[in-house]
Amino acid sequence: MIDHRALRAFCLEFNGAVEEYPFNPDVAVYKVGGKIFALSALDAADPLTVSLKCDPEEAVRLRAAHPEIVPGYHLNKRHWNTVTLTGALPDHQIRELIEDSYDLVVAGLPRAQRLRLDRP
């Protein structure tokens, strides 16, 4: 099961990914090119959650298939999901969701930034 240390390590593996705390010291925000791709409240009681950007159609499908995936908490519910990390979803699927979120954000960056990230 992914804990906050594993979540942090995975998010920071991506090219250009940074960790910031713009809201308060207990909410880790992972960005690329100044845009958020993941948020996680570190002080939250068990279980850990992470909010991720998602294609709107895929977001609806994921919510219908997995009770641990719900519309983004305090985010645009059309484009964001919040995933509860209880161990019900396999780690590889959570990693795919994080990577998909990163890729969506990178796709919206200017071409020059994408090229610097090796993601044309």
PDB file of N, CA and C in Angstrom:
ATOM      1  N   MET A   1       0.845  -1.182   0.000  1.00  0.00           N
ATOM      2  CA  MET A   1       0.000   0.000   0.000  1.00  0.00           C
ATOM      3  C   MET A   1       0.893   1.251   0.000  1.00  0.00           C
ATOM      4  N   ILE A   2       0.509   2.234  -0.766  1.00  0.00           N
ATOM      5  CA  ILE A   2       1.278   3.470  -0.886  1.00  0.00           C
ATOM      6  C   ILE A   2       1.027   4.366   0.327  1.00  0.00           C
ATOM      7  N   ASP A   3       2.112   4.763   0.987  1.00  0.00           N
ATOM      8  CA  ASP A   3       2.006   5.725   2.088  1.00  0.00           C
ATOM      9  C   ASP A   3       2.475   7.091   1.582  1.00  0.00           C
ATOM     10  N   HIS A   4       2.480   8.093   2.473  1.00  0.00           N
ATOM     11  CA  HIS A   4       2.809   9.436   2.007  1.00  0.00           C
ATOM     12  C   HIS A   4       4.248   9.546   1.506  1.00  0.00           C
ATOM     13  N   ARG A   5       5.168   8.766   2.073  1.00  0.00           N
ATOM     14  CA  ARG A   5       6.561   8.809   1.595  1.00  0.00           C
ATOM     15  C   ARG A   5       6.677   8.235   0.182  1.00  0.00           C
ATOM     16  N   ALA A   6       5.994   7.120  -0.061  1.00  0.00           N
ATOM     17  CA  ALA A   6       6.017   6.509  -1.401  1.00  0.00           C
ATOM     18  C   ALA A   6       5.308   7.406  -2.410  1.00  0.00           C
ATOM     19  N   LEU A   7       4.211   8.026  -2.007  1.00  0.00           N
ATOM     20  CA  LEU A   7       3.486   8.947  -2.882  1.00  0.00           C
ATOM     21  C   LEU A   7       4.390  10.115  -3.261  1.00  0.00           C
ATOM     22  N   ARG A   8       5.036  10.695  -2.290  1.00  0.00           N
ATOM     23  CA  ARG A   8       5.945  11.821  -2.528  1.00  0.00           C
ATOM     24  C   ARG A   8       7.068  11.414  -3.475  1.00  0.00           C
ATOM     25  N   ALA A   9       7.699  10.284  -3.207  1.00  0.00           N
ATOM     26  CA  ALA A   9       8.809   9.821  -4.034  1.00  0.00           C
ATOM     27  C   ALA A   9       8.366   9.603  -5.475  1.00  0.00           C
ATOM     28  N   PHE A  10       7.205   8.999  -5.660  1.00  0.00           N
ATOM     29  CA  PHE A  10       6.743   8.737  -7.021  1.00  0.00           C
ATOM     30  C   PHE A  10       6.430  10.039  -7.750  1.00  0.00           C
ATOM     31  N   CYS A  11       5.743  10.961  -7.103  1.00  0.00           N
ATOM     32  CA  CYS A  11       5.404  12.238  -7.743  1.00  0.00           C
ATOM     33  C   CYS A  11       6.649  13.016  -8.146  1.00  0.00           C
ATOM     34  N   LEU A  12       7.695  12.931  -7.350  1.00  0.00           N
ATOM     35  CA  LEU A  12       8.907  13.694  -7.631  1.00  0.00           C
ATOM     36  C   LEU A  12       9.835  13.019  -8.644  1.00  0.00           C
ATOM     37  N   GLU A  13       9.514  11.793  -9.067  1.00  0.00           N
ATOM     38  CA  GLU A  13      10.306  11.102 -10.090  1.00  0.00           C
ATOM     39  C   GLU A  13      10.135  11.717 -11.475  1.00  0.00           C
ATOM     40  N   PHE A  14       9.030  12.413 -11.717  1.00  0.00           N
ATOM     41  CA  PHE A  14       8.746  12.956 -13.035  1.00  0.00           C
ATOM     42  C   PHE A  14       9.642  14.160 -13.336  1.00  0.00           C
ATOM     43  N   ASN A  15      10.015  14.299 -14.598  1.00  0.00           N
ATOM     44  CA  ASN A  15      10.825  15.434 -15.039  1.00  0.00           C
ATOM     45  C   ASN A  15      10.143  16.754 -14.667  1.00  0.00           C
ATOM     46  N   GLY A  16      10.872  17.615 -14.018  1.00  0.00           N
ATOM     47  CA  GLY A  16      10.374  18.946 -13.692  1.00  0.00           C
ATOM     48  C   GLY A  16       9.391  19.013 -12.547  1.00  0.00           C
ATOM     49  N   ALA A  17       9.114  17.894 -11.890  1.00  0.00           N
ATOM     50  CA  ALA A  17       8.148  17.893 -10.781  1.00  0.00           C
ATOM     51  C   ALA A  17       8.766  18.538  -9.542  1.00  0.00           C
ATOM     52  N   VAL A  18       7.955  19.353  -8.872  1.00  0.00           N
ATOM     53  CA  VAL A  18       8.376  19.992  -7.628  1.00  0.00           C
ATOM     54  C   VAL A  18       7.275  19.824  -6.586  1.00  0.00           C
ATOM     55  N   GLU A  19       7.688  19.902  -5.340  1.00  0.00           N
ATOM     56  CA  GLU A  19       6.752  19.818  -4.215  1.00  0.00           C
ATOM     57  C   GLU A  19       6.690  21.187  -3.559  1.00  0.00           C
ATOM     58  N   GLU A  20       5.476  21.669  -3.328  1.00  0.00           N
ATOM     59  CA  GLU A  20       5.278  22.955  -2.673  1.00  0.00           C
ATOM     60  C   GLU A  20       4.189  22.825  -1.616  1.00  0.00           C
ATOM     61  N   TYR A  21       4.099  23.833  -0.759  1.00  0.00           N
ATOM     62  CA  TYR A  21       3.091  23.876   0.294  1.00  0.00           C
ATOM     63  C   TYR A  21       2.416  25.250   0.293  1.00  0.00           C
ATOM     64  N   PRO A  22       1.706  25.605  -0.793  1.00  0.00           N
ATOM     65  CA  PRO A  22       1.131  26.946  -0.893  1.00  0.00           C
ATOM     66  C   PRO A  22      -0.099  27.173  -0.025  1.00  0.00           C
ATOM     67  N   PHE A  23      -0.775  26.114   0.388  1.00  0.00           N
ATOM     68  CA  PHE A  23      -2.020  26.268   1.143  1.00  0.00           C
ATOM     69  C   PHE A  23      -1.775  26.234   2.640  1.00  0.00           C
ATOM     70  N   ASN A  24      -1.048  25.240   3.086  1.00  0.00           N
ATOM     71  CA  ASN A  24      -0.608  25.142   4.480  1.00  0.00           C
ATOM     72  C   ASN A  24       0.428  24.027   4.561  1.00  0.00           C
ATOM     73  N   PRO A  25       1.145  23.916   5.661  1.00  0.00           N
ATOM     74  CA  PRO A  25       2.242  22.939   5.729  1.00  0.00           C
ATOM     75  C   PRO A  25       1.791  21.480   5.699  1.00  0.00           C
ATOM     76  N   ASP A  26       0.506  21.240   5.766  1.00  0.00           N
ATOM     77  CA  ASP A  26       0.016  19.864   5.788  1.00  0.00           C
ATOM     78  C   ASP A  26      -0.559  19.394   4.455  1.00  0.00           C
ATOM     79  N   VAL A  27      -0.511  20.241   3.425  1.00  0.00           N
ATOM     80  CA  VAL A  27      -1.018  19.850   2.108  1.00  0.00           C
ATOM     81  C   VAL A  27       0.123  19.930   1.097  1.00  0.00           C
ATOM     82  N   ALA A  28       0.613  18.753   0.692  1.00  0.00           N
ATOM     83  CA  ALA A  28       1.675  18.691  -0.312  1.00  0.00           C
ATOM     84  C   ALA A  28       1.053  18.885  -1.686  1.00  0.00           C
ATOM     85  N   VAL A  29       1.620  19.788  -2.455  1.00  0.00           N
ATOM     86  CA  VAL A  29       1.148  20.084  -3.807  1.00  0.00           C
ATOM     87  C   VAL A  29       2.296  19.774  -4.759  1.00  0.00           C
ATOM     88  N   TYR A  30       2.027  18.904  -5.723  1.00  0.00           N
ATOM     89  CA  TYR A  30       3.040  18.514  -6.704  1.00  0.00           C
ATOM     90  C   TYR A  30       2.707  19.193  -8.020  1.00  0.00           C
ATOM     91  N   LYS A  31       3.710  19.916  -8.560  1.00  0.00           N
ATOM     92  CA  LYS A  31       3.502  20.717  -9.764  1.00  0.00           C
ATOM     93  C   LYS A  31       4.535  20.371 -10.818  1.00  0.00           C
ATOM     94  N   VAL A  32       4.160  20.681 -12.055  1.00  0.00           N
ATOM     95  CA  VAL A  32       5.090  20.662 -13.179  1.00  0.00           C
ATOM     96  C   VAL A  32       4.785  21.907 -14.006  1.00  0.00           C
ATOM     97  N   GLY A  33       5.806  22.648 -14.348  1.00  0.00           N
ATOM     98  CA  GLY A  33       5.595  23.872 -15.111  1.00  0.00           C
ATOM     99  C   GLY A  33       4.692  24.865 -14.410  1.00  0.00           C
ATOM    100  N   GLY A  34       4.690  24.846 -13.081  1.00  0.00           N
ATOM    101  CA  GLY A  34       3.856  25.754 -12.303  1.00  0.00           C
ATOM    102  C   GLY A  34       2.404  25.336 -12.184  1.00  0.00           C
ATOM    103  N   LYS A  35       2.047  24.176 -12.724  1.00  0.00           N
ATOM    104  CA  LYS A  35       0.661  23.683 -12.702  1.00  0.00           C
ATOM    105  C   LYS A  35       0.568  22.443 -11.815  1.00  0.00           C
ATOM    106  N   ILE A  36      -0.505  22.352 -11.062  1.00  0.00           N
ATOM    107  CA  ILE A  36      -0.708  21.240 -10.128  1.00  0.00           C
ATOM    108  C   ILE A  36      -1.109  19.967 -10.868  1.00  0.00           C
ATOM    109  N   PHE A  37      -0.467  18.843 -10.503  1.00  0.00           N
ATOM    110  CA  PHE A  37      -0.912  17.546 -11.003  1.00  0.00           C
ATOM    111  C   PHE A  37      -1.313  16.592  -9.874  1.00  0.00           C
ATOM    112  N   ALA A  38      -0.959  16.907  -8.625  1.00  0.00           N
ATOM    113  CA  ALA A  38      -1.368  16.069  -7.492  1.00  0.00           C
ATOM    114  C   ALA A  38      -1.363  16.892  -6.212  1.00  0.00           C
ATOM    115  N   LEU A  39      -2.318  16.583  -5.313  1.00  0.00           N
ATOM    116  CA  LEU A  39      -2.395  17.213  -3.995  1.00  0.00           C
ATOM    117  C   LEU A  39      -2.678  16.117  -2.974  1.00  0.00           C
ATOM    118  N   SER A  40      -2.046  16.230  -1.815  1.00  0.00           N
ATOM    119  CA  SER A  40      -2.301  15.248  -0.772  1.00  0.00           C
ATOM    120  C   SER A  40      -2.191  15.910   0.595  1.00  0.00           C
ATOM    121  N   ALA A  41      -3.197  15.690   1.424  1.00  0.00           N
ATOM    122  CA  ALA A  41      -3.186  16.210   2.799  1.00  0.00           C
ATOM    123  C   ALA A  41      -2.390  15.244   3.661  1.00  0.00           C
ATOM    124  N   LEU A  42      -1.242  15.690   4.129  1.00  0.00           N
ATOM    125  CA  LEU A  42      -0.348  14.819   4.887  1.00  0.00           C
ATOM    126  C   LEU A  42      -0.789  14.627   6.325  1.00  0.00           C
ATOM    127  N   ASP A  43      -1.567  15.557   6.859  1.00  0.00           N
ATOM    128  CA  ASP A  43      -1.986  15.464   8.251  1.00  0.00           C
ATOM    129  C   ASP A  43      -3.285  14.689   8.420  1.00  0.00           C
ATOM    130  N   ALA A  44      -3.888  14.313   7.313  1.00  0.00           N
ATOM    131  CA  ALA A  44      -5.179  13.632   7.379  1.00  0.00           C
ATOM    132  C   ALA A  44      -5.050  12.312   8.125  1.00  0.00           C
ATOM    133  N   ALA A  45      -6.082  12.003   8.836  1.00  0.00           N
ATOM    134  CA  ALA A  45      -6.113  10.714   9.514  1.00  0.00           C
ATOM    135  C   ALA A  45      -6.132   9.618   8.460  1.00  0.00           C
ATOM    136  N   ASP A  46      -5.806   8.447   8.893  1.00  0.00           N
ATOM    137  CA  ASP A  46      -5.831   7.305   7.993  1.00  0.00           C
ATOM    138  C   ASP A  46      -7.205   7.183   7.364  1.00  0.00           C
ATOM    139  N   PRO A  47      -7.353   6.936   6.131  1.00  0.00           N
ATOM    140  CA  PRO A  47      -6.335   6.669   5.118  1.00  0.00           C
ATOM    141  C   PRO A  47      -5.911   7.930   4.370  1.00  0.00           C
ATOM    142  N   LEU A  48      -4.775   7.827   3.749  1.00  0.00           N
ATOM    143  CA  LEU A  48      -4.211   8.902   2.927  1.00  0.00           C
ATOM    144  C   LEU A  48      -5.043   9.067   1.664  1.00  0.00           C
ATOM    145  N   THR A  49      -5.190  10.306   1.184  1.00  0.00           N
ATOM    146  CA  THR A  49      -5.870  10.567  -0.081  1.00  0.00           C
ATOM    147  C   THR A  49      -4.960  11.393  -0.970  1.00  0.00           C
ATOM    148  N   VAL A  50      -5.204  11.288  -2.272  1.00  0.00           N
ATOM    149  CA  VAL A  50      -4.489  12.115  -3.239  1.00  0.00           C
ATOM    150  C   VAL A  50      -5.494  12.560  -4.296  1.00  0.00           C
ATOM    151  N   SER A  51      -5.454  13.830  -4.652  1.00  0.00           N
ATOM    152  CA  SER A  51      -6.320  14.363  -5.705  1.00  0.00           C
ATOM    153  C   SER A  51      -5.495  14.483  -6.973  1.00  0.00           C
ATOM    154  N   LEU A  52      -6.089  14.004  -8.078  1.00  0.00           N
ATOM    155  CA  LEU A  52      -5.383  13.921  -9.349  1.00  0.00           C
ATOM    156  C   LEU A  52      -6.232  14.437 -10.485  1.00  0.00           C
ATOM    157  N   LYS A  53      -5.596  15.093 -11.431  1.00  0.00           N
ATOM    158  CA  LYS A  53      -6.281  15.555 -12.634  1.00  0.00           C
ATOM    159  C   LYS A  53      -6.631  14.340 -13.486  1.00  0.00           C
ATOM    160  N   CYS A  54      -7.766  14.432 -14.204  1.00  0.00           N
ATOM    161  CA  CYS A  54      -8.224  13.285 -14.982  1.00  0.00           C
ATOM    162  C   CYS A  54      -9.062  13.760 -16.159  1.00  0.00           C
ATOM    163  N   ASP A  55      -8.979  13.046 -17.266  1.00  0.00           N
ATOM    164  CA  ASP A  55      -9.859  13.304 -18.390  1.00  0.00           C
ATOM    165  C   ASP A  55     -11.296  13.172 -17.892  1.00  0.00           C
ATOM    166  N   PRO A  56     -12.195  14.100 -18.223  1.00  0.00           N
ATOM    167  CA  PRO A  56     -13.558  14.067 -17.683  1.00  0.00           C
ATOM    168  C   PRO A  56     -14.313  12.756 -17.918  1.00  0.00           C
ATOM    169  N   GLU A  57     -14.217  12.185 -19.094  1.00  0.00           N
ATOM    170  CA  GLU A  57     -14.919  10.918 -19.355  1.00  0.00           C
ATOM    171  C   GLU A  57     -14.309   9.779 -18.560  1.00  0.00           C
ATOM    172  N   GLU A  58     -12.988   9.757 -18.476  1.00  0.00           N
ATOM    173  CA  GLU A  58     -12.298   8.732 -17.699  1.00  0.00           C
ATOM    174  C   GLU A  58     -12.612   8.893 -16.210  1.00  0.00           C
ATOM    175  N   ALA A  59     -12.742  10.132 -15.757  1.00  0.00           N
ATOM    176  CA  ALA A  59     -13.050  10.390 -14.348  1.00  0.00           C
ATOM    177  C   ALA A  59     -14.372   9.745 -13.958  1.00  0.00           C
ATOM    178  N   VAL A  60     -15.370   9.897 -14.788  1.00  0.00           N
ATOM    179  CA  VAL A  60     -16.692   9.319 -14.508  1.00  0.00           C
ATOM    180  C   VAL A  60     -16.606   7.792 -14.497  1.00  0.00           C
ATOM    181  N   ARG A  61     -15.890   7.237 -15.455  1.00  0.00           N
ATOM    182  CA  ARG A  61     -15.747   5.778 -15.530  1.00  0.00           C
ATOM    183  C   ARG A  61     -15.040   5.228 -14.287  1.00  0.00           C
ATOM    184  N   LEU A  62     -13.975   5.893 -13.878  1.00  0.00           N
ATOM    185  CA  LEU A  62     -13.229   5.445 -12.704  1.00  0.00           C
ATOM    186  C   LEU A  62     -14.083   5.512 -11.438  1.00  0.00           C
ATOM    187  N   ARG A  63     -14.857   6.575 -11.299  1.00  0.00           N
ATOM    188  CA  ARG A  63     -15.720   6.723 -10.115  1.00  0.00           C
ATOM    189  C   ARG A  63     -16.768   5.620 -10.063  1.00  0.00           C
ATOM    190  N   ALA A  64     -17.294   5.242 -11.215  1.00  0.00           N
ATOM    191  CA  ALA A  64     -18.314   4.192 -11.263  1.00  0.00           C
ATOM    192  C   ALA A  64     -17.718   2.819 -10.945  1.00  0.00           C
ATOM    193  N   ALA A  65     -16.459   2.623 -11.302  1.00  0.00           N
ATOM    194  CA  ALA A  65     -15.826   1.315 -11.130  1.00  0.00           C
ATOM    195  C   ALA A  65     -15.180   1.115  -9.761  1.00  0.00           C
ATOM    196  N   HIS A  66     -14.816   2.210  -9.089  1.00  0.00           N
ATOM    197  CA  HIS A  66     -14.052   2.101  -7.841  1.00  0.00           C
ATOM    198  C   HIS A  66     -14.618   3.029  -6.772  1.00  0.00           C
ATOM    199  N   PRO A  67     -15.156   2.475  -5.695  1.00  0.00           N
ATOM    200  CA  PRO A  67     -15.720   3.330  -4.634  1.00  0.00           C
ATOM    201  C   PRO A  67     -14.689   4.224  -3.949  1.00  0.00           C
ATOM    202  N   GLU A  68     -13.405   3.884  -4.057  1.00  0.00           N
ATOM    203  CA  GLU A  68     -12.369   4.706  -3.429  1.00  0.00           C
ATOM    204  C   GLU A  68     -11.955   5.898  -4.296  1.00  0.00           C
ATOM    205  N   ILE A  69     -12.575   6.052  -5.460  1.00  0.00           N
ATOM    206  CA  ILE A  69     -12.326   7.201  -6.325  1.00  0.00           C
ATOM    207  C   ILE A  69     -13.602   8.030  -6.387  1.00  0.00           C
ATOM    208  N   VAL A  70     -13.488   9.279  -5.935  1.00  0.00           N
ATOM    209  CA  VAL A  70     -14.652  10.174  -5.871  1.00  0.00           C
ATOM    210  C   VAL A  70     -14.298  11.506  -6.545  1.00  0.00           C
ATOM    211  N   PRO A  71     -15.304  12.345  -6.827  1.00  0.00           N
ATOM    212  CA  PRO A  71     -15.004  13.662  -7.406  1.00  0.00           C
ATOM    213  C   PRO A  71     -14.028  14.436  -6.519  1.00  0.00           C
ATOM    214  N   GLY A  72     -13.176  15.215  -7.152  1.00  0.00           N
ATOM    215  CA  GLY A  72     -12.128  15.951  -6.447  1.00  0.00           C
ATOM    216  C   GLY A  72     -12.646  16.806  -5.311  1.00  0.00           C
ATOM    217  N   TYR A  73     -12.062  16.636  -4.147  1.00  0.00           N
ATOM    218  CA  TYR A  73     -12.441  17.390  -2.960  1.00  0.00           C
ATOM    219  C   TYR A  73     -11.960  18.830  -3.097  1.00  0.00           C
ATOM    220  N   HIS A  74     -12.878  19.780  -3.073  1.00  0.00           N
ATOM    221  CA  HIS A  74     -12.593  21.217  -3.213  1.00  0.00           C
ATOM    222  C   HIS A  74     -11.905  21.560  -4.534  1.00  0.00           C
ATOM    223  N   LEU A  75     -12.189  20.773  -5.569  1.00  0.00           N
ATOM    224  CA  LEU A  75     -11.600  21.001  -6.887  1.00  0.00           C
ATOM    225  C   LEU A  75     -12.697  20.921  -7.942  1.00  0.00           C
ATOM    226  N   ASN A  76     -12.364  21.262  -9.177  1.00  0.00           N
ATOM    227  CA  ASN A  76     -13.315  21.135 -10.274  1.00  0.00           C
ATOM    228  C   ASN A  76     -13.633  19.648 -10.451  1.00  0.00           C
ATOM    229  N   LYS A  77     -14.827  19.261 -10.091  1.00  0.00           N
ATOM    230  CA  LYS A  77     -15.199  17.845 -10.057  1.00  0.00           C
ATOM    231  C   LYS A  77     -15.257  17.202 -11.434  1.00  0.00           C
ATOM    232  N   ARG A  78     -15.290  18.003 -12.464  1.00  0.00           N
ATOM    233  CA  ARG A  78     -15.282  17.453 -13.820  1.00  0.00           C
ATOM    234  C   ARG A  78     -13.884  16.958 -14.202  1.00  0.00           C
ATOM    235  N   HIS A  79     -12.848  17.626 -13.690  1.00  0.00           N
ATOM    236  CA  HIS A  79     -11.477  17.343 -14.105  1.00  0.00           C
ATOM    237  C   HIS A  79     -10.595  16.722 -13.026  1.00  0.00           C
ATOM    238  N   TRP A  80     -11.109  16.573 -11.820  1.00  0.00           N
ATOM    239  CA  TRP A  80     -10.287  16.062 -10.719  1.00  0.00           C
ATOM    240  C   TRP A  80     -10.989  14.939  -9.975  1.00  0.00           C
ATOM    241  N   ASN A  81     -10.211  13.935  -9.584  1.00  0.00           N
ATOM    242  CA  ASN A  81     -10.673  12.852  -8.727  1.00  0.00           C
ATOM    243  C   ASN A  81      -9.845  12.851  -7.450  1.00  0.00           C
ATOM    244  N   THR A  82     -10.464  12.438  -6.361  1.00  0.00           N
ATOM    245  CA  THR A  82      -9.732  12.190  -5.125  1.00  0.00           C
ATOM    246  C   THR A  82      -9.741  10.685  -4.899  1.00  0.00           C
ATOM    247  N   VAL A  83      -8.554  10.134  -4.706  1.00  0.00           N
ATOM    248  CA  VAL A  83      -8.372   8.690  -4.557  1.00  0.00           C
ATOM    249  C   VAL A  83      -7.970   8.409  -3.114  1.00  0.00           C
ATOM    250  N   THR A  84      -8.715   7.526  -2.462  1.00  0.00           N
ATOM    251  CA  THR A  84      -8.387   7.111  -1.100  1.00  0.00           C
ATOM    252  C   THR A  84      -7.472   5.900  -1.188  1.00  0.00           C
ATOM    253  N   LEU A  85      -6.317   5.997  -0.533  1.00  0.00           N
ATOM    254  CA  LEU A  85      -5.296   4.958  -0.622  1.00  0.00           C
ATOM    255  C   LEU A  85      -5.444   3.962   0.532  1.00  0.00           C
ATOM    256  N   THR A  86      -6.432   3.084   0.395  1.00  0.00           N
ATOM    257  CA  THR A  86      -6.715   2.083   1.425  1.00  0.00           C
ATOM    258  C   THR A  86      -6.038   0.753   1.157  1.00  0.00           C
ATOM    259  N   GLY A  87      -5.487   0.588  -0.035  1.00  0.00           N
ATOM    260  CA  GLY A  87      -4.939  -0.698  -0.434  1.00  0.00           C
ATOM    261  C   GLY A  87      -5.895  -1.453  -1.335  1.00  0.00           C
ATOM    262  N   ALA A  88      -7.121  -0.932  -1.506  1.00  0.00           N
ATOM    263  CA  ALA A  88      -8.101  -1.603  -2.373  1.00  0.00           C
ATOM    264  C   ALA A  88      -7.685  -1.525  -3.842  1.00  0.00           C
ATOM    265  N   LEU A  89      -7.086  -0.404  -4.233  1.00  0.00           N
ATOM    266  CA  LEU A  89      -6.559  -0.274  -5.592  1.00  0.00           C
ATOM    267  C   LEU A  89      -5.106  -0.728  -5.587  1.00  0.00           C
ATOM    268  N   PRO A  90      -4.707  -1.498  -6.593  1.00  0.00           N
ATOM    269  CA  PRO A  90      -3.302  -1.921  -6.646  1.00  0.00           C
ATOM    270  C   PRO A  90      -2.374  -0.714  -6.817  1.00  0.00           C
ATOM    271  N   ASP A  91      -1.172  -0.808  -6.255  1.00  0.00           N
ATOM    272  CA  ASP A  91      -0.206   0.279  -6.339  1.00  0.00           C
ATOM    273  C   ASP A  91       0.076   0.679  -7.781  1.00  0.00           C
ATOM    274  N   HIS A  92       0.159  -0.299  -8.677  1.00  0.00           N
ATOM    275  CA  HIS A  92       0.458   0.032 -10.072  1.00  0.00           C
ATOM    276  C   HIS A  92      -0.652   0.875 -10.699  1.00  0.00           C
ATOM    277  N   GLN A  93      -1.902   0.662 -10.282  1.00  0.00           N
ATOM    278  CA  GLN A  93      -3.003   1.466 -10.818  1.00  0.00           C
ATOM    279  C   GLN A  93      -2.935   2.902 -10.283  1.00  0.00           C
ATOM    280  N   ILE A  94      -2.579   3.053  -9.023  1.00  0.00           N
ATOM    281  CA  ILE A  94      -2.429   4.388  -8.449  1.00  0.00           C
ATOM    282  C   ILE A  94      -1.294   5.129  -9.161  1.00  0.00           C
ATOM    283  N   ARG A  95      -0.216   4.432  -9.425  1.00  0.00           N
ATOM    284  CA  ARG A  95       0.904   5.043 -10.155  1.00  0.00           C
ATOM    285  C   ARG A  95       0.463   5.472 -11.553  1.00  0.00           C
ATOM    286  N   GLU A  96      -0.349   4.659 -12.218  1.00  0.00           N
ATOM    287  CA  GLU A  96      -0.865   5.016 -13.547  1.00  0.00           C
ATOM    288  C   GLU A  96      -1.742   6.264 -13.476  1.00  0.00           C
ATOM    289  N   LEU A  97      -2.574   6.368 -12.446  1.00  0.00           N
ATOM    290  CA  LEU A  97      -3.430   7.542 -12.284  1.00  0.00           C
ATOM    291  C   LEU A  97      -2.594   8.806 -12.071  1.00  0.00           C
ATOM    292  N   ILE A  98      -1.523   8.674 -11.288  1.00  0.00           N
ATOM    293  CA  ILE A  98      -0.634   9.819 -11.053  1.00  0.00           C
ATOM    294  C   ILE A  98       0.074  10.198 -12.349  1.00  0.00           C
ATOM    295  N   GLU A  99       0.566   9.213 -13.078  1.00  0.00           N
ATOM    296  CA  GLU A  99       1.246   9.495 -14.343  1.00  0.00           C
ATOM    297  C   GLU A  99       0.294  10.119 -15.361  1.00  0.00           C
ATOM    298  N   ASP A 100      -0.948   9.633 -15.410  1.00  0.00           N
ATOM    299  CA  ASP A 100      -1.941  10.221 -16.312  1.00  0.00           C
ATOM    300  C   ASP A 100      -2.196  11.687 -15.957  1.00  0.00           C
ATOM    301  N   SER A 101      -2.258  11.985 -14.662  1.00  0.00           N
ATOM    302  CA  SER A 101      -2.467  13.358 -14.216  1.00  0.00           C
ATOM    303  C   SER A 101      -1.293  14.234 -14.653  1.00  0.00           C
ATOM    304  N   TYR A 102      -0.087  13.762 -14.432  1.00  0.00           N
ATOM    305  CA  TYR A 102       1.114  14.487 -14.851  1.00  0.00           C
ATOM    306  C   TYR A 102       1.079  14.732 -16.358  1.00  0.00           C
ATOM    307  N   ASP A 103       0.769  13.692 -17.126  1.00  0.00           N
ATOM    308  CA  ASP A 103       0.743  13.816 -18.589  1.00  0.00           C
ATOM    309  C   ASP A 103      -0.307  14.825 -19.057  1.00  0.00           C
ATOM    310  N   LEU A 104      -1.469  14.840 -18.418  1.00  0.00           N
ATOM    311  CA  LEU A 104      -2.503  15.814 -18.784  1.00  0.00           C
ATOM    312  C   LEU A 104      -2.022  17.246 -18.551  1.00  0.00           C
ATOM    313  N   VAL A 105      -1.372  17.461 -17.432  1.00  0.00           N
ATOM    314  CA  VAL A 105      -0.879  18.803 -17.122  1.00  0.00           C
ATOM    315  C   VAL A 105       0.221  19.190 -18.102  1.00  0.00           C
ATOM    316  N   VAL A 106       1.146  18.284 -18.359  1.00  0.00           N
ATOM    317  CA  VAL A 106       2.242  18.581 -19.291  1.00  0.00           C
ATOM    318  C   VAL A 106       1.685  18.882 -20.679  1.00  0.00           C
ATOM    319  N   ALA A 107       0.666  18.157 -21.108  1.00  0.00           N
ATOM    320  CA  ALA A 107       0.078  18.379 -22.437  1.00  0.00           C
ATOM    321  C   ALA A 107      -0.474  19.793 -22.588  1.00  0.00           C
ATOM    322  N   GLY A 108      -0.845  20.414 -21.489  1.00  0.00           N
ATOM    323  CA  GLY A 108      -1.379  21.773 -21.529  1.00  0.00           C
ATOM    324  C   GLY A 108      -0.324  22.863 -21.434  1.00  0.00           C
ATOM    325  N   LEU A 109       0.926  22.474 -21.252  1.00  0.00           N
ATOM    326  CA  LEU A 109       2.011  23.450 -21.151  1.00  0.00           C
ATOM    327  C   LEU A 109       2.436  23.911 -22.544  1.00  0.00           C
ATOM    328  N   PRO A 110       3.039  25.080 -22.640  1.00  0.00           N
ATOM    329  CA  PRO A 110       3.572  25.532 -23.926  1.00  0.00           C
ATOM    330  C   PRO A 110       4.599  24.530 -24.469  1.00  0.00           C
ATOM    331  N   ARG A 111       4.692  24.463 -25.783  1.00  0.00           N
ATOM    332  CA  ARG A 111       5.546  23.484 -26.453  1.00  0.00           C
ATOM    333  C   ARG A 111       6.994  23.547 -25.952  1.00  0.00           C
ATOM    334  N   ALA A 112       7.531  24.732 -25.754  1.00  0.00           N
ATOM    335  CA  ALA A 112       8.920  24.876 -25.294  1.00  0.00           C
ATOM    336  C   ALA A 112       9.116  24.195 -23.934  1.00  0.00           C
ATOM    337  N   GLN A 113       8.153  24.349 -23.039  1.00  0.00           N
ATOM    338  CA  GLN A 113       8.245  23.692 -21.729  1.00  0.00           C
ATOM    339  C   GLN A 113       8.152  22.182 -21.875  1.00  0.00           C
ATOM    340  N   ARG A 114       7.244  21.721 -22.733  1.00  0.00           N
ATOM    341  CA  ARG A 114       7.106  20.272 -22.950  1.00  0.00           C
ATOM    342  C   ARG A 114       8.414  19.680 -23.471  1.00  0.00           C
ATOM    343  N   LEU A 115       9.058  20.377 -24.396  1.00  0.00           N
ATOM    344  CA  LEU A 115      10.318  19.882 -24.961  1.00  0.00           C
ATOM    345  C   LEU A 115      11.419  19.812 -23.901  1.00  0.00           C
ATOM    346  N   ARG A 116      11.447  20.796 -22.990  1.00  0.00           N
ATOM    347  CA  ARG A 116      12.429  20.753 -21.899  1.00  0.00           C
ATOM    348  C   ARG A 116      12.187  19.570 -20.979  1.00  0.00           C
ATOM    349  N   LEU A 117      10.947  19.114 -20.907  1.00  0.00           N
ATOM    350  CA  LEU A 117      10.593  17.968 -20.069  1.00  0.00           C
ATOM    351  C   LEU A 117      10.699  16.641 -20.821  1.00  0.00           C
ATOM    352  N   ASP A 118      11.138  16.703 -22.076  1.00  0.00           N
ATOM    353  CA  ASP A 118      11.218  15.517 -22.931  1.00  0.00           C
ATOM    354  C   ASP A 118       9.858  14.884 -23.159  1.00  0.00           C
ATOM    355  N   ARG A 119       8.829  15.716 -23.260  1.00  0.00           N
ATOM    356  CA  ARG A 119       7.462  15.248 -23.516  1.00  0.00           C
ATOM    357  C   ARG A 119       6.844  16.086 -24.636  1.00  0.00           C
ATOM    358  N   PRO A 120       7.233  15.861 -25.887  1.00  0.00           N
ATOM    359  CA  PRO A 120       6.705  16.694 -26.982  1.00  0.00           C
ATOM    360  C   PRO A 120       5.219  16.490 -27.148  1.00  0.00           C
TER     361      PRO A 120
END
